[in-house]
C-alpha atoms as a PDB file:
ATOM      1  CA  MET A   1      37.032  -1.262  10.666  1.00  0.00           C
ATOM      2  CA  ILE A   2      40.215  -1.942  12.660  1.00  0.00           C
ATOM      3  CA  SER A   3      40.201  -4.202  15.924  1.00  0.00           C
ATOM      4  CA  ASP A   4      39.790  -2.788  19.153  1.00  0.00           C
ATOM      5  CA  SER A   5      43.392  -3.606  20.483  1.00  0.00           C
ATOM      6  CA  LEU A   6      44.573  -1.772  17.440  1.00  0.00           C
ATOM      7  CA  LEU A   7      41.947   1.369  17.728  1.00  0.00           C
ATOM      8  CA  PHE A   8      43.545   1.520  21.441  1.00  0.00           C
ATOM      9  CA  THR A   9      46.731   1.092  20.653  1.00  0.00           C
ATOM     10  CA  LEU A  10      46.497   4.332  18.283  1.00  0.00           C
ATOM     11  CA  ALA A  11      44.033   6.118  20.851  1.00  0.00           C
ATOM     12  CA  LEU A  12      47.505   5.656  23.030  1.00  0.00           C
ATOM     13  CA  LEU A  13      50.016   6.911  21.198  1.00  0.00           C
ATOM     14  CA  ASP A  14      47.957   9.666  19.473  1.00  0.00           C
ATOM     15  CA  THR A  15      47.450  11.091  23.106  1.00  0.00           C
ATOM     16  CA  ALA A  16      51.124  10.219  23.834  1.00  0.00           C
ATOM     17  CA  CYS A  17      51.566  12.742  21.036  1.00  0.00           C
ATOM     18  CA  ILE A  18      49.115  15.793  22.224  1.00  0.00           C
ATOM     19  CA  LEU A  19      50.901  15.340  25.535  1.00  0.00           C
ATOM     20  CA  CYS A  20      54.253  15.548  24.225  1.00  0.00           C
ATOM     21  CA  LEU A  21      52.863  18.718  22.299  1.00  0.00           C
ATOM     22  CA  LEU A  22      50.941  20.322  25.617  1.00  0.00           C
ATOM     23  CA  ILE A  23      54.329  19.709  27.533  1.00  0.00           C
ATOM     24  CA  TYR A  24      55.958  21.965  24.331  1.00  0.00           C
ATOM     25  CA  PHE A  25      53.229  24.516  24.602  1.00  0.00           C
ATOM     26  CA  VAL A  26      54.331  24.834  28.541  1.00  0.00           C
ATOM     27  CA  ILE A  27      57.802  25.025  28.024  1.00  0.00           C
ATOM     28  CA  THR A  28      57.166  27.638  25.570  1.00  0.00           C
ATOM     29  CA  LEU A  29      55.095  29.827  27.545  1.00  0.00           C
ATOM     30  CA  SER A  30      57.378  29.583  30.096  1.00  0.00           C
ATOM     31  CA  ASP A  31      59.956  30.758  28.557  1.00  0.00           C
ATOM     32  CA  LEU A  32      57.985  33.912  27.150  1.00  0.00           C
ATOM     33  CA  GLU A  33      57.143  34.388  30.948  1.00  0.00           C
ATOM     34  CA  CYS A  34      60.943  34.523  31.820  1.00  0.00           C
ATOM     35  CA  ASP A  35      61.692  36.508  28.788  1.00  0.00           C
ATOM     36  CA  TYR A  36      64.090  33.856  27.245  1.00  0.00           C
ATOM     37  CA  LEU A  37      61.868  34.278  24.106  1.00  0.00           C
ATOM     38  CA  ASN A  38      60.155  37.587  22.727  1.00  0.00           C
ATOM     39  CA  ALA A  39      56.236  37.372  22.252  1.00  0.00           C
ATOM     40  CA  GLN A  40      56.348  37.245  18.292  1.00  0.00           C
ATOM     41  CA  GLN A  41      58.495  34.090  18.616  1.00  0.00           C
ATOM     42  CA  CYS A  42      56.312  32.428  21.200  1.00  0.00           C
ATOM     43  CA  CYS A  43      52.939  33.045  19.583  1.00  0.00           C
ATOM     44  CA  THR A  44      54.640  32.108  15.701  1.00  0.00           C
ATOM     45  CA  LYS A  45      55.686  28.717  17.756  1.00  0.00           C
ATOM     46  CA  LEU A  46      52.593  27.704  19.471  1.00  0.00           C
ATOM     47  CA  ASN A  47      50.437  28.221  16.375  1.00  0.00           C
ATOM     48  CA  ILE A  48      51.905  26.322  14.340  1.00  0.00           C
ATOM     49  CA  TRP A  49      50.549  23.281  16.512  1.00  0.00           C
ATOM     50  CA  VAL A  50      47.175  24.784  17.196  1.00  0.00           C
ATOM     51  CA  LEU A  51      45.350  22.758  14.116  1.00  0.00           C
ATOM     52  CA  PRO A  52      47.385  19.548  14.462  1.00  0.00           C
ATOM     53  CA  LYS A  53      46.559  19.212  17.626  1.00  0.00           C
ATOM     54  CA  LEU A  54      42.882  19.817  16.778  1.00  0.00           C
ATOM     55  CA  MET A  55      42.949  17.190  14.016  1.00  0.00           C
ATOM     56  CA  ALA A  56      44.790  15.029  16.275  1.00  0.00           C
ATOM     57  CA  HIS A  57      41.993  14.849  18.732  1.00  0.00           C
ATOM     58  CA  GLY A  58      39.512  14.942  15.898  1.00  0.00           C
ATOM     59  CA  PHE A  59      40.361  11.901  14.163  1.00  0.00           C
ATOM     60  CA  LEU A  60      40.343  10.171  17.226  1.00  0.00           C
ATOM     61  CA  THR A  61      37.172  11.123  18.464  1.00  0.00           C
ATOM     62  CA  PHE A  62      36.181  10.154  14.749  1.00  0.00           C
ATOM     63  CA  LEU A  63      37.596   6.385  15.327  1.00  0.00           C
ATOM     64  CA  LEU A  64      35.657   6.044  18.630  1.00  0.00           C
ATOM     65  CA  LEU A  65      32.497   6.802  17.028  1.00  0.00           C
ATOM     66  CA  ILE A  66      33.012   4.594  13.613  1.00  0.00           C
ATOM     67  CA  HIS A  67      33.867   2.085  16.100  1.00  0.00           C
ATOM     68  CA  ALA A  68      30.920   2.214  18.828  1.00  0.00           C
ATOM     69  CA  HIS A  69      32.681   3.428  21.511  1.00  0.00           C
ATOM     70  CA  TRP A  70      30.071   6.213  22.764  1.00  0.00           C
ATOM     71  CA  ILE A  71      31.073   6.773  26.602  1.00  0.00           C
ATOM     72  CA  LEU A  72      34.504   7.512  25.054  1.00  0.00           C
ATOM     73  CA  VAL A  73      32.865   9.468  21.980  1.00  0.00           C
ATOM     74  CA  LEU A  74      30.952  11.548  24.104  1.00  0.00           C
ATOM     75  CA  VAL A  75      33.760  12.169  26.837  1.00  0.00           C
ATOM     76  CA  ASN A  76      35.710  13.050  24.220  1.00  0.00           C
ATOM     77  CA  LEU A  77      33.141  15.389  22.381  1.00  0.00           C
ATOM     78  CA  PRO A  78      33.297  18.361  24.611  1.00  0.00           C
ATOM     79  CA  MET A  79      37.310  18.524  24.349  1.00  0.00           C
ATOM     80  CA  THR A  80      36.757  18.324  20.251  1.00  0.00           C
ATOM     81  CA  LEU A  81      34.262  21.237  20.127  1.00  0.00           C
ATOM     82  CA  TRP A  82      36.397  23.222  22.770  1.00  0.00           C
ATOM     83  CA  LEU A  83      39.684  23.278  20.705  1.00  0.00           C
ATOM     84  CA  ALA A  84      37.431  23.697  16.976  1.00  0.00           C
ATOM     85  CA  TYR A  85      35.366  26.925  19.168  1.00  0.00           C
ATOM     86  CA  GLU A  86      39.188  28.070  20.033  1.00  0.00           C
ATOM     87  CA  HIS A  87      40.533  27.950  16.476  1.00  0.00           C
ATOM     88  CA  PHE A  88      37.676  28.624  14.666  1.00  0.00           C
ATOM     89  CA  THR A  89      36.902  32.074  17.069  1.00  0.00           C
ATOM     90  CA  VAL A  90      40.227  33.819  16.590  1.00  0.00           C
ATOM     91  CA  PRO A  91      39.310  37.474  16.424  1.00  0.00           C
ATOM     92  CA  THR A  92      39.704  39.491  12.868  1.00  0.00           C
ATOM     93  CA  GLY A  93      43.500  40.794  13.120  1.00  0.00           C
ATOM     94  CA  ASN A  94      45.049  38.610  15.347  1.00  0.00           C
ATOM     95  CA  THR A  95      47.693  35.696  13.625  1.00  0.00           C
ATOM     96  CA  GLY A  96      45.996  32.896  15.706  1.00  0.00           C
ATOM     97  CA  VAL A  97      44.869  31.385  18.777  1.00  0.00           C
ATOM     98  CA  TYR A  98      48.654  33.141  20.803  1.00  0.00           C
ATOM     99  CA  ASP A  99      48.541  36.515  19.341  1.00  0.00           C
ATOM    100  CA  PRO A 100      51.971  38.496  20.012  1.00  0.00           C
ATOM    101  CA  THR A 101      50.130  41.860  20.662  1.00  0.00           C
ATOM    102  CA  GLU A 102      47.723  40.526  23.085  1.00  0.00           C
ATOM    103  CA  ILE A 103      49.646  38.245  24.541  1.00  0.00           C
ATOM    104  CA  HIS A 104      51.189  40.478  27.417  1.00  0.00           C
ATOM    105  CA  ASN A 105      47.243  41.940  27.853  1.00  0.00           C
ATOM    106  CA  ARG A 106      44.445  41.052  30.772  1.00  0.00           C
ATOM    107  CA  GLY A 107      46.248  38.490  32.359  1.00  0.00           C
ATOM    108  CA  GLN A 108      46.386  36.352  28.376  1.00  0.00           C
ATOM    109  CA  LEU A 109      49.462  34.413  29.232  1.00  0.00           C
ATOM    110  CA  LYS A 110      48.302  33.055  32.710  1.00  0.00           C
ATOM    111  CA  LYS A 111      44.915  32.543  30.667  1.00  0.00           C
ATOM    112  CA  HIS A 112      47.290  30.208  28.153  1.00  0.00           C
ATOM    113  CA  MET A 113      49.184  28.579  30.562  1.00  0.00           C
ATOM    114  CA  ARG A 114      46.005  27.467  32.825  1.00  0.00           C
ATOM    115  CA  ASP A 115      44.364  26.558  29.522  1.00  0.00           C
ATOM    116  CA  CYS A 116      47.931  24.173  29.214  1.00  0.00           C
ATOM    117  CA  MET A 117      47.404  22.649  32.220  1.00  0.00           C
ATOM    118  CA  ILE A 118      44.020  21.473  32.212  1.00  0.00           C
ATOM    119  CA  TYR A 119      44.515  20.480  28.848  1.00  0.00           C
ATOM    120  CA  LEU A 120      47.557  18.103  30.359  1.00  0.00           C
ATOM    121  CA  GLY A 121      45.405  16.761  33.646  1.00  0.00           C
ATOM    122  CA  TYR A 122      42.892  15.688  30.634  1.00  0.00           C
ATOM    123  CA  TYR A 123      45.164  14.145  28.430  1.00  0.00           C
ATOM    124  CA  LEU A 124      46.647  12.616  31.226  1.00  0.00           C
ATOM    125  CA  ILE A 125      43.880  11.085  32.615  1.00  0.00           C
ATOM    126  CA  PHE A 126      42.526   9.853  29.141  1.00  0.00           C
ATOM    127  CA  PHE A 127      46.346   8.442  28.497  1.00  0.00           C
ATOM    128  CA  VAL A 128      45.657   6.207  31.550  1.00  0.00           C
ATOM    129  CA  VAL A 129      41.706   5.223  30.334  1.00  0.00           C
ATOM    130  CA  TYR A 130      43.333   3.987  26.818  1.00  0.00           C
ATOM    131  CA  LEU A 131      45.583   2.328  28.299  1.00  0.00           C
ATOM    132  CA  TYR A 132      43.423   0.346  30.723  1.00  0.00           C
ATOM    133  CA  CYS A 133      41.265  -0.267  27.874  1.00  0.00           C
ATOM    134  CA  LEU A 134      43.951  -1.688  25.729  1.00  0.00           C
ATOM    135  CA  ILE A 135      44.419  -4.250  28.391  1.00  0.00           C
ATOM    136  CA  ILE A 136      41.364  -5.127  28.400  1.00  0.00           C
ATOM    137  CA  SER A 137      41.126  -5.864  25.072  1.00  0.00           C
ATOM    138  CA  LEU A 138      44.181  -7.853  24.684  1.00  0.00           C
ATOM    139  CA  LEU A 139      43.084  -9.693  27.547  1.00  0.00           C
ATOM    140  CA  GLN A 140      39.463 -10.293  26.354  1.00  0.00           C
ATOM    141  CA  GLY A 141      38.462 -13.976  25.059  1.00  0.00           C
ATOM    142  CA  ASN A 142      39.021 -17.810  26.360  1.00  0.00           C
ATOM    143  CA  PRO A 143      42.744 -18.258  27.560  1.00  0.00           C
ATOM    144  CA  ILE A 144      42.064 -21.993  27.795  1.00  0.00           C
ATOM    145  CA  LYS A 145      40.959 -22.278  24.173  1.00  0.00           C
ATOM    146  CA  ARG A 146      43.932 -20.086  23.278  1.00  0.00           C
ATOM    147  CA  ASP A 147      45.885 -22.419  25.047  1.00  0.00           C
ATOM    148  CA  GLU A 148      44.419 -25.420  23.144  1.00  0.00           C
ATOM    149  CA  ASP A 149      45.274 -23.228  20.000  1.00  0.00           C
ATOM    150  CA  LEU A 150      48.945 -22.761  20.753  1.00  0.00           C
ATOM    151  CA  ALA A 151      49.084 -26.667  21.771  1.00  0.00           C
ATOM    152  CA  ASP A 152      47.955 -27.596  18.474  1.00  0.00           C
ATOM    153  CA  MET A 153      50.059 -25.387  16.442  1.00  0.00           C
ATOM    154  CA  HIS A 154      53.350 -27.010  18.287  1.00  0.00           C
ATOM    155  CA  ASP A 155      52.041 -30.431  16.673  1.00  0.00           C
ATOM    156  CA  TYR A 156      52.594 -29.079  13.324  1.00  0.00           C
END
């Protein structure tokens, strides 16, 4: 098992990578909306990153689970399950979560854009939560004893 400081550093990096990926999703969907990309190009670019996003969030949830941060596991588990549901319930015949033949039908583009914005808000909140947890884990301990340990090290 790793220390809490390292755990929350990994959580922070994982969340930052997912945030960057979601910004890429929003930009790509916006390009499709403005006709800078065609549907085939857009969906191909986005479908490549659906599984890595799920694996990154699942890995983070697993790390929190094995380190017994139960509250964080409970708030991360619904997003993990939703991402898994979204990935594994793709209708047969579709190329992935983002399908070029259906993305312009029935407001799918608006739905995908709305979902990306919700994910962005979720991950921004948890970026701040993990940053707070990292700072708290770094500040834990007795600061007076740390000063004594540093003084002992200078004597040598």
